[in-house]
Protein backbone atom coordinates (compact mmCIF):
# COMPACT_ATOMS: atom_id res chain seq x y z
CA UNK A 1 16.70 8.10 -4.05
CA UNK A 2 14.24 6.50 -6.44
CA UNK A 3 10.53 6.42 -5.71
CA UNK A 4 8.61 3.22 -6.21
CA UNK A 5 6.04 3.58 -8.94
CA UNK A 6 3.12 1.33 -8.09
CA UNK A 7 -0.25 1.40 -9.78
CA UNK A 8 -3.70 -0.06 -9.21
CA UNK A 9 -3.69 -3.79 -9.85
CA UNK A 10 -0.01 -4.35 -8.99
CA UNK A 11 0.64 -7.42 -6.83
CA UNK A 12 2.62 -6.50 -3.71
CA UNK A 13 3.71 -7.97 -0.40
CA UNK A 14 4.40 -6.40 2.98
CA UNK A 15 5.33 -7.44 6.50
CA UNK A 16 2.79 -7.64 9.32
CA UNK A 17 3.08 -8.78 12.92
CA UNK A 18 1.84 -12.19 11.70
CA UNK A 19 4.45 -12.42 8.92
CA UNK A 20 4.45 -11.59 5.22
CA UNK A 21 1.15 -10.70 3.55
CA UNK A 22 0.28 -10.43 -0.13
CA UNK A 23 -2.29 -8.28 -1.83
CA UNK A 24 -3.09 -5.85 -4.60
CA UNK A 25 -2.71 -2.09 -4.91
CA UNK A 26 -6.17 -0.49 -4.98
CA UNK A 27 -5.10 3.12 -5.57
CA UNK A 28 -2.40 5.72 -5.07
CA UNK A 29 -3.19 8.11 -2.20
CA UNK A 30 -1.90 11.68 -2.59
CA UNK A 31 -3.80 13.46 0.18
CA UNK A 32 -4.71 12.91 3.82
CA UNK A 33 -7.12 9.99 3.92
CA UNK A 34 -8.56 7.66 6.53
CA UNK A 35 -9.01 3.88 6.34
CA UNK A 36 -10.23 1.87 9.34
CA UNK A 37 -9.43 4.65 11.80
CA UNK A 38 -5.86 5.14 10.53
CA UNK A 39 -5.06 8.53 9.04
CA UNK A 40 -2.50 8.49 6.23
CA UNK A 41 -0.84 11.85 5.69
CA UNK A 42 0.12 11.44 2.05
CA UNK A 43 0.96 14.21 -0.42
CA UNK A 44 1.59 14.31 -4.18
CA UNK A 45 5.34 14.40 -3.40
CA UNK A 46 5.08 11.61 -0.79
CA UNK A 47 2.29 9.29 -1.95
CA UNK A 48 1.08 6.23 -0.11
CA UNK A 49 -0.86 3.25 -1.45
CA UNK A 50 -4.13 1.64 -0.47
CA UNK A 51 -3.76 -2.13 -0.69
CA UNK A 52 -6.23 -5.00 -0.35
CA UNK A 53 -5.08 -8.15 1.43
CA UNK A 54 -5.45 -11.31 -0.68
CA UNK A 55 -6.11 -13.33 2.49
CA UNK A 56 -8.60 -11.17 4.42
CA UNK A 57 -9.88 -8.74 1.80
CA UNK A 58 -9.23 -5.89 4.23
CA UNK A 59 -7.75 -2.63 2.94
CA UNK A 60 -5.03 -0.50 4.50
CA UNK A 61 -2.81 2.39 3.44
CA UNK A 62 0.96 1.82 3.38
CA UNK A 63 4.01 3.92 2.64
CA UNK A 64 5.82 2.79 -0.53
CA UNK A 65 8.90 1.75 1.46
CA UNK A 66 6.92 -0.95 3.24
CA UNK A 67 5.60 -2.49 0.00
CA UNK A 68 7.51 -4.82 -2.30
CA UNK A 69 6.24 -5.32 -5.84
CA UNK A 70 6.00 -8.99 -6.69
CA UNK A 71 8.00 -9.94 -9.74
CA UNK A 72 6.15 -10.90 -12.92
């Protein structure tokens, strides 16, 4: 199974209850971290990514499987 390699600045999209959302990767998270009351239990072997929504400017942490890198 291949791991997605995302980096800060990458344009990505993900699904929300309101539909598809676009944004930008802020950073790779490799430890337990908290954003807006949500605790992400990431590790170096199972990283997650903090993303900023292009529409709202809000940040959230997502697992790589829920993010799709937008093609260049």
